[in-house]
Amino acid sequence: MQSEQLTESLLEQTRQILNQVEKLKNYDLHTLTWKENATSWSILECLEHLNLYGNFYLPQIENKIKSSTANFEAEFRSGILGNYFAKSMLPKQKLNTMKTFKDKNPLNAKLDKNVIDKFMNQQIKLLELLNNSRNVSLNKVKIQTSIASFIKLKLGDTFQFYINHIIRHLAQIDRIETAMKNA
């Protein structure tokens, strides 16, 4: 895939994410913290989960882009592991639940609307990083994963994985909204 095409696609997905989450700012706290049951997440818990991942990935991506000496390459080739991780994050018709790492699980955390602002700020930062990535190699810059420090993904794969993870939880938010209407 062309690197520029991938970057443009990821920028567009991130803009759509921002538009979708912007609408959540109009919800009251009761709606944002509603849960279907004791073990399910609320809308704010979904966003806080994403914020925790943003706290892990965004500073690392920024530092790697700033310190990279690997020049931009026209062609991006997804790695086997990176491609697998990115695709595994996409929501499926039949819900494929995944175990959340304890340090990334916001279940029953005391949250307020600031969670939305933090998420929006992280997405704005992501847009900036995607634009900055046009000057470096999406193939040679490697990002450590939250799974294990010795597992590193290409920058292009990391962006895809990270954004697909967000899309997955925005689909979860859609399901929460549906369940709330039907409750």
N, C-alpha and C. Protein backbone atom coordinates (compact mmCIF):
# COMPACT_ATOMS: atom_id res chain seq x y z
N MET A 1 0.85 -1.18 0.00
CA MET A 1 0.00 0.00 0.00
C MET A 1 0.89 1.24 0.00
N GLN A 2 0.43 2.26 -0.66
CA GLN A 2 1.16 3.52 -0.68
C GLN A 2 1.11 4.17 0.71
N SER A 3 2.24 4.62 1.21
CA SER A 3 2.32 5.24 2.54
C SER A 3 1.38 6.44 2.65
N GLU A 4 1.37 7.27 1.60
CA GLU A 4 0.54 8.47 1.62
C GLU A 4 -0.95 8.10 1.66
N GLN A 5 -1.32 7.07 0.93
CA GLN A 5 -2.70 6.59 0.91
C GLN A 5 -3.11 6.09 2.30
N LEU A 6 -2.23 5.34 2.95
CA LEU A 6 -2.51 4.85 4.30
C LEU A 6 -2.68 6.03 5.26
N THR A 7 -1.77 6.99 5.20
CA THR A 7 -1.84 8.14 6.10
C THR A 7 -3.14 8.91 5.89
N GLU A 8 -3.51 9.15 4.64
CA GLU A 8 -4.75 9.87 4.34
C GLU A 8 -5.97 9.11 4.89
N SER A 9 -5.98 7.81 4.72
CA SER A 9 -7.08 6.98 5.21
C SER A 9 -7.18 7.06 6.74
N LEU A 10 -6.04 6.99 7.41
CA LEU A 10 -6.02 7.06 8.88
C LEU A 10 -6.42 8.44 9.38
N LEU A 11 -6.01 9.49 8.66
CA LEU A 11 -6.44 10.85 9.01
C LEU A 11 -7.95 10.98 8.91
N GLU A 12 -8.52 10.45 7.85
CA GLU A 12 -9.98 10.53 7.66
C GLU A 12 -10.71 9.74 8.75
N GLN A 13 -10.22 8.56 9.09
CA GLN A 13 -10.84 7.77 10.17
C GLN A 13 -10.78 8.54 11.49
N THR A 14 -9.67 9.20 11.75
CA THR A 14 -9.52 9.95 13.00
C THR A 14 -10.46 11.15 13.02
N ARG A 15 -10.64 11.80 11.89
CA ARG A 15 -11.61 12.91 11.82
C ARG A 15 -13.03 12.40 12.10
N GLN A 16 -13.38 11.26 11.56
CA GLN A 16 -14.70 10.67 11.80
C GLN A 16 -14.87 10.31 13.28
N ILE A 17 -13.81 9.80 13.89
CA ILE A 17 -13.83 9.48 15.32
C ILE A 17 -14.11 10.75 16.13
N LEU A 18 -13.41 11.82 15.80
CA LEU A 18 -13.62 13.10 16.50
C LEU A 18 -15.06 13.57 16.36
N ASN A 19 -15.62 13.48 15.17
CA ASN A 19 -17.01 13.89 14.95
C ASN A 19 -17.98 13.05 15.76
N GLN A 20 -17.73 11.74 15.81
CA GLN A 20 -18.62 10.84 16.56
C GLN A 20 -18.58 11.15 18.06
N VAL A 21 -17.39 11.37 18.58
CA VAL A 21 -17.24 11.59 20.02
C VAL A 21 -17.69 12.99 20.41
N GLU A 22 -17.55 13.94 19.51
CA GLU A 22 -18.01 15.32 19.78
C GLU A 22 -19.48 15.32 20.21
N LYS A 23 -20.28 14.46 19.60
CA LYS A 23 -21.72 14.38 19.92
C LYS A 23 -21.96 13.92 21.36
N LEU A 24 -21.03 13.16 21.91
CA LEU A 24 -21.18 12.65 23.28
C LEU A 24 -21.12 13.78 24.31
N LYS A 25 -20.51 14.90 23.94
CA LYS A 25 -20.41 16.04 24.87
C LYS A 25 -21.79 16.57 25.26
N ASN A 26 -22.79 16.32 24.42
CA ASN A 26 -24.15 16.79 24.70
C ASN A 26 -24.89 15.90 25.69
N TYR A 27 -24.36 14.73 26.00
CA TYR A 27 -25.03 13.80 26.91
C TYR A 27 -24.84 14.25 28.36
N ASP A 28 -25.82 13.94 29.19
CA ASP A 28 -25.67 14.24 30.62
C ASP A 28 -24.85 13.11 31.27
N LEU A 29 -24.40 13.36 32.49
CA LEU A 29 -23.53 12.41 33.19
C LEU A 29 -24.23 11.08 33.43
N HIS A 30 -25.53 11.12 33.69
CA HIS A 30 -26.28 9.88 33.91
C HIS A 30 -26.21 8.98 32.67
N THR A 31 -26.39 9.57 31.50
CA THR A 31 -26.33 8.82 30.23
C THR A 31 -24.92 8.29 30.01
N LEU A 32 -23.93 9.11 30.26
CA LEU A 32 -22.52 8.73 30.02
C LEU A 32 -22.03 7.64 30.96
N THR A 33 -22.68 7.50 32.13
CA THR A 33 -22.24 6.49 33.11
C THR A 33 -23.21 5.31 33.22
N TRP A 34 -24.25 5.27 32.37
CA TRP A 34 -25.22 4.17 32.39
C TRP A 34 -24.54 2.88 31.98
N LYS A 35 -24.92 1.79 32.69
CA LYS A 35 -24.37 0.47 32.36
C LYS A 35 -25.51 -0.53 32.24
N GLU A 36 -25.31 -1.46 31.33
CA GLU A 36 -26.30 -2.52 31.14
C GLU A 36 -26.31 -3.47 32.33
N ASN A 37 -25.14 -3.72 32.89
CA ASN A 37 -25.03 -4.58 34.09
C ASN A 37 -23.75 -4.22 34.85
N ALA A 38 -23.53 -4.88 35.96
CA ALA A 38 -22.41 -4.53 36.85
C ALA A 38 -21.03 -4.76 36.22
N THR A 39 -20.94 -5.67 35.26
CA THR A 39 -19.62 -5.97 34.68
C THR A 39 -19.42 -5.32 33.31
N SER A 40 -20.43 -4.62 32.81
CA SER A 40 -20.26 -3.95 31.52
C SER A 40 -19.73 -2.54 31.73
N TRP A 41 -19.20 -1.96 30.66
CA TRP A 41 -18.65 -0.62 30.73
C TRP A 41 -19.70 0.41 30.33
N SER A 42 -19.54 1.59 30.87
CA SER A 42 -20.33 2.75 30.45
C SER A 42 -19.62 3.42 29.27
N ILE A 43 -20.28 4.42 28.70
CA ILE A 43 -19.66 5.19 27.61
C ILE A 43 -18.35 5.82 28.09
N LEU A 44 -18.37 6.43 29.28
CA LEU A 44 -17.15 7.06 29.80
C LEU A 44 -16.06 6.04 30.07
N GLU A 45 -16.43 4.85 30.54
CA GLU A 45 -15.42 3.81 30.79
C GLU A 45 -14.78 3.36 29.48
N CYS A 46 -15.55 3.27 28.40
CA CYS A 46 -14.98 2.94 27.09
C CYS A 46 -13.95 3.99 26.68
N LEU A 47 -14.32 5.26 26.84
CA LEU A 47 -13.41 6.34 26.46
C LEU A 47 -12.18 6.39 27.36
N GLU A 48 -12.37 6.15 28.65
CA GLU A 48 -11.23 6.15 29.57
C GLU A 48 -10.26 5.02 29.23
N HIS A 49 -10.80 3.87 28.86
CA HIS A 49 -9.97 2.74 28.41
C HIS A 49 -9.10 3.20 27.23
N LEU A 50 -9.71 3.90 26.28
CA LEU A 50 -8.96 4.40 25.13
C LEU A 50 -7.94 5.46 25.54
N ASN A 51 -8.29 6.28 26.52
CA ASN A 51 -7.34 7.28 27.03
C ASN A 51 -6.12 6.62 27.63
N LEU A 52 -6.32 5.52 28.35
CA LEU A 52 -5.20 4.81 28.96
C LEU A 52 -4.25 4.28 27.89
N TYR A 53 -4.81 3.79 26.79
CA TYR A 53 -3.97 3.35 25.67
C TYR A 53 -3.30 4.53 24.99
N GLY A 54 -4.01 5.63 24.87
CA GLY A 54 -3.42 6.84 24.31
C GLY A 54 -2.23 7.30 25.13
N ASN A 55 -2.37 7.23 26.46
CA ASN A 55 -1.26 7.60 27.35
C ASN A 55 -0.03 6.75 27.09
N PHE A 56 -0.23 5.50 26.68
CA PHE A 56 0.87 4.59 26.41
C PHE A 56 1.47 4.84 25.02
N TYR A 57 0.62 4.89 24.01
CA TYR A 57 1.12 4.92 22.63
C TYR A 57 1.51 6.30 22.11
N LEU A 58 0.72 7.32 22.39
CA LEU A 58 0.96 8.62 21.75
C LEU A 58 2.32 9.24 22.10
N PRO A 59 2.74 9.27 23.37
CA PRO A 59 4.07 9.84 23.67
C PRO A 59 5.20 9.04 23.00
N GLN A 60 5.04 7.73 22.96
CA GLN A 60 6.06 6.88 22.35
C GLN A 60 6.14 7.14 20.84
N ILE A 61 4.98 7.22 20.20
CA ILE A 61 4.96 7.51 18.76
C ILE A 61 5.60 8.87 18.49
N GLU A 62 5.25 9.86 19.30
CA GLU A 62 5.81 11.20 19.12
C GLU A 62 7.33 11.18 19.25
N ASN A 63 7.84 10.52 20.28
CA ASN A 63 9.29 10.45 20.49
C ASN A 63 10.00 9.73 19.35
N LYS A 64 9.40 8.65 18.88
CA LYS A 64 10.02 7.87 17.79
C LYS A 64 10.04 8.68 16.48
N ILE A 65 8.96 9.41 16.21
CA ILE A 65 8.93 10.23 15.00
C ILE A 65 9.99 11.33 15.10
N LYS A 66 10.05 11.99 16.26
CA LYS A 66 11.02 13.09 16.44
C LYS A 66 12.46 12.62 16.31
N SER A 67 12.75 11.42 16.81
CA SER A 67 14.14 10.96 16.84
C SER A 67 14.52 10.10 15.63
N SER A 68 13.58 9.85 14.74
CA SER A 68 13.84 8.96 13.61
C SER A 68 14.77 9.60 12.58
N THR A 69 15.65 8.77 12.06
CA THR A 69 16.50 9.18 10.95
C THR A 69 16.11 8.39 9.69
N ALA A 70 15.11 7.51 9.82
CA ALA A 70 14.65 6.70 8.69
C ALA A 70 13.72 7.54 7.82
N ASN A 71 14.13 7.76 6.59
CA ASN A 71 13.37 8.62 5.68
C ASN A 71 12.08 7.98 5.20
N PHE A 72 11.15 8.83 4.81
CA PHE A 72 9.87 8.43 4.25
C PHE A 72 10.08 7.47 3.09
N GLU A 73 9.23 6.45 3.01
CA GLU A 73 9.24 5.52 1.89
C GLU A 73 7.84 5.52 1.27
N ALA A 74 7.79 5.50 -0.05
CA ALA A 74 6.51 5.59 -0.76
C ALA A 74 5.61 4.38 -0.48
N GLU A 75 6.22 3.23 -0.28
CA GLU A 75 5.46 1.99 -0.10
C GLU A 75 5.50 1.54 1.36
N PHE A 76 4.32 1.23 1.92
CA PHE A 76 4.25 0.64 3.25
C PHE A 76 3.87 -0.83 3.11
N ARG A 77 4.64 -1.69 3.78
CA ARG A 77 4.36 -3.12 3.79
C ARG A 77 4.06 -3.54 5.22
N SER A 78 2.84 -3.90 5.45
CA SER A 78 2.42 -4.32 6.79
C SER A 78 3.17 -5.58 7.20
N GLY A 79 3.58 -5.65 8.48
CA GLY A 79 4.22 -6.84 9.00
C GLY A 79 3.18 -7.91 9.32
N ILE A 80 3.61 -9.16 9.40
CA ILE A 80 2.68 -10.26 9.67
C ILE A 80 1.99 -10.03 11.01
N LEU A 81 2.75 -9.77 12.05
CA LEU A 81 2.18 -9.57 13.39
C LEU A 81 1.37 -8.28 13.46
N GLY A 82 1.89 -7.22 12.89
CA GLY A 82 1.19 -5.94 12.90
C GLY A 82 -0.13 -6.01 12.18
N ASN A 83 -0.15 -6.66 11.03
CA ASN A 83 -1.37 -6.83 10.26
C ASN A 83 -2.39 -7.65 11.06
N TYR A 84 -1.91 -8.71 11.70
CA TYR A 84 -2.78 -9.56 12.53
C TYR A 84 -3.39 -8.75 13.67
N PHE A 85 -2.56 -8.01 14.39
CA PHE A 85 -3.06 -7.21 15.52
C PHE A 85 -4.06 -6.16 15.05
N ALA A 86 -3.74 -5.48 13.96
CA ALA A 86 -4.62 -4.43 13.45
C ALA A 86 -5.98 -5.01 13.07
N LYS A 87 -5.98 -6.11 12.35
CA LYS A 87 -7.25 -6.73 11.91
C LYS A 87 -8.03 -7.30 13.10
N SER A 88 -7.32 -7.82 14.10
CA SER A 88 -8.00 -8.42 15.26
C SER A 88 -8.77 -7.38 16.07
N MET A 89 -8.40 -6.13 15.94
CA MET A 89 -9.06 -5.06 16.69
C MET A 89 -10.38 -4.63 16.08
N LEU A 90 -10.54 -4.85 14.80
CA LEU A 90 -11.77 -4.38 14.14
C LEU A 90 -12.99 -5.10 14.73
N PRO A 91 -14.09 -4.34 14.94
CA PRO A 91 -15.30 -4.99 15.46
C PRO A 91 -15.86 -5.95 14.42
N LYS A 92 -16.42 -7.05 14.90
CA LYS A 92 -17.01 -8.06 14.04
C LYS A 92 -18.52 -8.08 14.27
N GLN A 93 -19.25 -8.70 13.35
CA GLN A 93 -20.71 -8.83 13.50
C GLN A 93 -21.04 -9.47 14.84
N LYS A 94 -20.43 -10.65 15.08
CA LYS A 94 -20.62 -11.33 16.35
C LYS A 94 -19.53 -10.79 17.28
N LEU A 95 -19.96 -10.27 18.41
CA LEU A 95 -19.02 -9.65 19.34
C LEU A 95 -17.91 -10.60 19.73
N ASN A 96 -16.68 -10.21 19.44
CA ASN A 96 -15.52 -10.99 19.86
C ASN A 96 -14.89 -10.27 21.06
N THR A 97 -15.26 -10.72 22.24
CA THR A 97 -14.75 -10.06 23.44
C THR A 97 -13.29 -10.41 23.64
N MET A 98 -12.57 -9.46 24.21
CA MET A 98 -11.15 -9.65 24.51
C MET A 98 -10.91 -9.28 25.96
N LYS A 99 -10.00 -9.98 26.55
CA LYS A 99 -9.63 -9.68 27.94
C LYS A 99 -8.82 -8.39 27.96
N THR A 100 -9.19 -7.49 28.88
CA THR A 100 -8.50 -6.22 29.02
C THR A 100 -7.43 -6.33 30.10
N PHE A 101 -6.26 -5.77 29.83
CA PHE A 101 -5.22 -5.73 30.85
C PHE A 101 -5.74 -4.95 32.05
N LYS A 102 -5.40 -5.40 33.24
CA LYS A 102 -5.90 -4.79 34.47
C LYS A 102 -5.62 -3.29 34.54
N ASP A 103 -4.41 -2.89 34.12
CA ASP A 103 -4.05 -1.46 34.20
C ASP A 103 -4.75 -0.62 33.13
N LYS A 104 -5.48 -1.26 32.22
CA LYS A 104 -6.23 -0.54 31.18
C LYS A 104 -7.75 -0.73 31.35
N ASN A 105 -8.15 -1.29 32.49
CA ASN A 105 -9.57 -1.55 32.74
C ASN A 105 -10.14 -0.50 33.69
N PRO A 106 -11.01 0.39 33.19
CA PRO A 106 -11.56 1.47 34.01
C PRO A 106 -12.87 1.11 34.73
N LEU A 107 -13.22 -0.18 34.77
CA LEU A 107 -14.49 -0.60 35.38
C LEU A 107 -14.64 0.00 36.77
N ASN A 108 -15.75 0.69 36.96
CA ASN A 108 -16.13 1.33 38.23
C ASN A 108 -15.23 2.48 38.67
N ALA A 109 -14.45 3.02 37.76
CA ALA A 109 -13.66 4.21 38.10
C ALA A 109 -14.60 5.41 38.19
N LYS A 110 -14.25 6.37 39.03
CA LYS A 110 -15.05 7.59 39.17
C LYS A 110 -14.66 8.52 38.02
N LEU A 111 -15.56 8.68 37.06
CA LEU A 111 -15.25 9.44 35.85
C LEU A 111 -16.25 10.57 35.65
N ASP A 112 -15.79 11.61 34.97
CA ASP A 112 -16.68 12.72 34.63
C ASP A 112 -16.45 13.10 33.16
N LYS A 113 -17.08 14.18 32.73
CA LYS A 113 -17.02 14.57 31.32
C LYS A 113 -15.62 14.97 30.85
N ASN A 114 -14.70 15.19 31.77
CA ASN A 114 -13.31 15.49 31.39
C ASN A 114 -12.70 14.36 30.57
N VAL A 115 -13.23 13.15 30.75
CA VAL A 115 -12.76 11.98 29.99
C VAL A 115 -12.94 12.24 28.49
N ILE A 116 -14.06 12.86 28.12
CA ILE A 116 -14.34 13.16 26.71
C ILE A 116 -13.32 14.17 26.19
N ASP A 117 -13.06 15.22 26.97
CA ASP A 117 -12.10 16.24 26.55
C ASP A 117 -10.71 15.64 26.37
N LYS A 118 -10.31 14.80 27.29
CA LYS A 118 -8.99 14.16 27.18
C LYS A 118 -8.92 13.31 25.92
N PHE A 119 -10.00 12.55 25.66
CA PHE A 119 -10.03 11.73 24.46
C PHE A 119 -9.92 12.59 23.20
N MET A 120 -10.68 13.67 23.17
CA MET A 120 -10.66 14.57 22.00
C MET A 120 -9.25 15.16 21.82
N ASN A 121 -8.61 15.55 22.90
CA ASN A 121 -7.25 16.09 22.82
C ASN A 121 -6.28 15.04 22.30
N GLN A 122 -6.46 13.79 22.72
CA GLN A 122 -5.60 12.73 22.22
C GLN A 122 -5.80 12.52 20.71
N GLN A 123 -7.03 12.65 20.26
CA GLN A 123 -7.29 12.48 18.82
C GLN A 123 -6.69 13.62 18.01
N ILE A 124 -6.71 14.82 18.56
CA ILE A 124 -6.07 15.96 17.90
C ILE A 124 -4.56 15.72 17.83
N LYS A 125 -4.00 15.19 18.90
CA LYS A 125 -2.58 14.83 18.91
C LYS A 125 -2.29 13.75 17.87
N LEU A 126 -3.19 12.78 17.76
CA LEU A 126 -3.04 11.72 16.77
C LEU A 126 -3.02 12.29 15.35
N LEU A 127 -3.90 13.25 15.07
CA LEU A 127 -3.90 13.90 13.75
C LEU A 127 -2.54 14.54 13.48
N GLU A 128 -2.00 15.21 14.49
CA GLU A 128 -0.69 15.86 14.37
C GLU A 128 0.40 14.82 14.09
N LEU A 129 0.35 13.71 14.82
CA LEU A 129 1.37 12.67 14.65
C LEU A 129 1.25 12.00 13.28
N LEU A 130 0.03 11.78 12.83
CA LEU A 130 -0.15 11.21 11.49
C LEU A 130 0.45 12.14 10.44
N ASN A 131 0.21 13.43 10.57
CA ASN A 131 0.79 14.39 9.64
C ASN A 131 2.31 14.40 9.73
N ASN A 132 2.85 14.35 10.95
CA ASN A 132 4.30 14.33 11.14
C ASN A 132 4.94 13.05 10.61
N SER A 133 4.17 11.97 10.57
CA SER A 133 4.72 10.69 10.12
C SER A 133 5.02 10.68 8.62
N ARG A 134 4.59 11.71 7.92
CA ARG A 134 4.86 11.80 6.48
C ARG A 134 6.34 12.04 6.19
N ASN A 135 7.11 12.35 7.23
CA ASN A 135 8.54 12.62 7.06
C ASN A 135 9.43 11.46 7.47
N VAL A 136 8.82 10.36 7.92
CA VAL A 136 9.62 9.23 8.40
C VAL A 136 9.12 7.92 7.75
N SER A 137 9.88 6.88 7.95
CA SER A 137 9.51 5.57 7.41
C SER A 137 8.43 4.91 8.27
N LEU A 138 7.31 4.57 7.66
CA LEU A 138 6.27 3.82 8.36
C LEU A 138 6.69 2.36 8.54
N ASN A 139 7.73 1.96 7.80
CA ASN A 139 8.24 0.59 7.87
C ASN A 139 9.33 0.41 8.92
N LYS A 140 10.27 1.36 8.97
CA LYS A 140 11.47 1.18 9.81
C LYS A 140 11.31 1.70 11.23
N VAL A 141 10.44 2.69 11.45
CA VAL A 141 10.20 3.17 12.81
C VAL A 141 9.37 2.12 13.52
N LYS A 142 9.86 1.67 14.68
CA LYS A 142 9.20 0.60 15.43
C LYS A 142 8.66 1.13 16.76
N ILE A 143 7.46 0.65 17.12
CA ILE A 143 6.80 1.07 18.35
C ILE A 143 6.57 -0.14 19.24
N GLN A 144 6.97 0.00 20.47
CA GLN A 144 6.77 -1.05 21.48
C GLN A 144 5.27 -1.20 21.75
N THR A 145 4.81 -2.43 21.92
CA THR A 145 3.39 -2.67 22.20
C THR A 145 3.12 -2.68 23.69
N SER A 146 1.87 -2.53 24.04
CA SER A 146 1.46 -2.61 25.45
C SER A 146 1.40 -4.07 25.91
N ILE A 147 1.45 -5.00 24.96
CA ILE A 147 1.38 -6.43 25.29
C ILE A 147 2.67 -6.89 25.95
N ALA A 148 3.80 -6.52 25.32
CA ALA A 148 5.12 -6.87 25.86
C ALA A 148 6.15 -5.93 25.23
N SER A 149 7.10 -5.49 26.04
CA SER A 149 8.08 -4.50 25.56
C SER A 149 8.95 -5.04 24.42
N PHE A 150 9.11 -6.36 24.35
CA PHE A 150 9.95 -6.92 23.29
C PHE A 150 9.19 -7.09 21.97
N ILE A 151 7.86 -6.91 21.99
CA ILE A 151 7.08 -6.96 20.75
C ILE A 151 6.95 -5.53 20.22
N LYS A 152 7.53 -5.33 19.04
CA LYS A 152 7.50 -4.00 18.43
C LYS A 152 6.83 -4.12 17.06
N LEU A 153 6.03 -3.11 16.74
CA LEU A 153 5.34 -3.08 15.45
C LEU A 153 5.84 -1.90 14.62
N LYS A 154 5.75 -2.04 13.31
CA LYS A 154 6.06 -0.93 12.42
C LYS A 154 5.11 0.23 12.75
N LEU A 155 5.58 1.45 12.55
CA LEU A 155 4.77 2.63 12.84
C LEU A 155 3.43 2.58 12.09
N GLY A 156 3.45 2.20 10.82
CA GLY A 156 2.22 2.10 10.04
C GLY A 156 1.23 1.11 10.64
N ASP A 157 1.74 -0.04 11.07
CA ASP A 157 0.89 -1.04 11.71
C ASP A 157 0.37 -0.54 13.06
N THR A 158 1.23 0.17 13.79
CA THR A 158 0.82 0.70 15.10
C THR A 158 -0.33 1.68 14.93
N PHE A 159 -0.23 2.58 13.96
CA PHE A 159 -1.32 3.52 13.70
C PHE A 159 -2.61 2.77 13.38
N GLN A 160 -2.53 1.75 12.52
CA GLN A 160 -3.72 0.98 12.15
C GLN A 160 -4.31 0.26 13.35
N PHE A 161 -3.46 -0.38 14.13
CA PHE A 161 -3.89 -1.10 15.33
C PHE A 161 -4.57 -0.14 16.31
N TYR A 162 -3.93 0.99 16.55
CA TYR A 162 -4.42 1.97 17.52
C TYR A 162 -5.79 2.53 17.09
N ILE A 163 -5.91 2.91 15.83
CA ILE A 163 -7.16 3.47 15.33
C ILE A 163 -8.25 2.41 15.26
N ASN A 164 -7.91 1.19 14.85
CA ASN A 164 -8.90 0.11 14.84
C ASN A 164 -9.41 -0.19 16.25
N HIS A 165 -8.53 -0.08 17.23
CA HIS A 165 -8.93 -0.28 18.63
C HIS A 165 -9.96 0.77 19.04
N ILE A 166 -9.75 2.00 18.61
CA ILE A 166 -10.71 3.07 18.89
C ILE A 166 -12.04 2.78 18.20
N ILE A 167 -11.99 2.39 16.94
CA ILE A 167 -13.21 2.07 16.19
C ILE A 167 -13.98 0.95 16.88
N ARG A 168 -13.26 -0.04 17.39
CA ARG A 168 -13.88 -1.16 18.10
C ARG A 168 -14.69 -0.66 19.29
N HIS A 169 -14.09 0.25 20.08
CA HIS A 169 -14.79 0.72 21.28
C HIS A 169 -15.87 1.76 20.96
N LEU A 170 -15.77 2.44 19.83
CA LEU A 170 -16.87 3.31 19.43
C LEU A 170 -18.07 2.47 19.00
N ALA A 171 -17.82 1.31 18.42
CA ALA A 171 -18.92 0.37 18.12
C ALA A 171 -19.54 -0.13 19.42
N GLN A 172 -18.71 -0.34 20.44
CA GLN A 172 -19.21 -0.74 21.75
C GLN A 172 -20.10 0.37 22.33
N ILE A 173 -19.69 1.61 22.16
CA ILE A 173 -20.50 2.75 22.62
C ILE A 173 -21.84 2.77 21.89
N ASP A 174 -21.83 2.48 20.60
CA ASP A 174 -23.09 2.39 19.84
C ASP A 174 -24.00 1.32 20.44
N ARG A 175 -23.41 0.18 20.82
CA ARG A 175 -24.21 -0.90 21.42
C ARG A 175 -24.75 -0.48 22.79
N ILE A 176 -23.98 0.27 23.55
CA ILE A 176 -24.44 0.76 24.85
C ILE A 176 -25.63 1.69 24.64
N GLU A 177 -25.52 2.58 23.66
CA GLU A 177 -26.62 3.52 23.38
C GLU A 177 -27.90 2.77 22.99
N THR A 178 -27.75 1.73 22.19
CA THR A 178 -28.90 0.91 21.79
C THR A 178 -29.52 0.21 22.99
N ALA A 179 -28.65 -0.38 23.83
CA ALA A 179 -29.14 -1.08 25.02
C ALA A 179 -29.86 -0.12 25.97
N MET A 180 -29.35 1.10 26.07
CA MET A 180 -29.94 2.11 26.94
C MET A 180 -31.36 2.46 26.45
N LYS A 181 -31.51 2.60 25.15
CA LYS A 181 -32.82 2.94 24.56
C LYS A 181 -33.82 1.82 24.78
N ASN A 182 -33.32 0.58 24.79
CA ASN A 182 -34.19 -0.60 24.92
C ASN A 182 -34.42 -1.00 26.38
N ALA A 183 -33.75 -0.32 27.30
CA ALA A 183 -33.86 -0.71 28.73
C ALA A 183 -35.17 -0.21 29.33
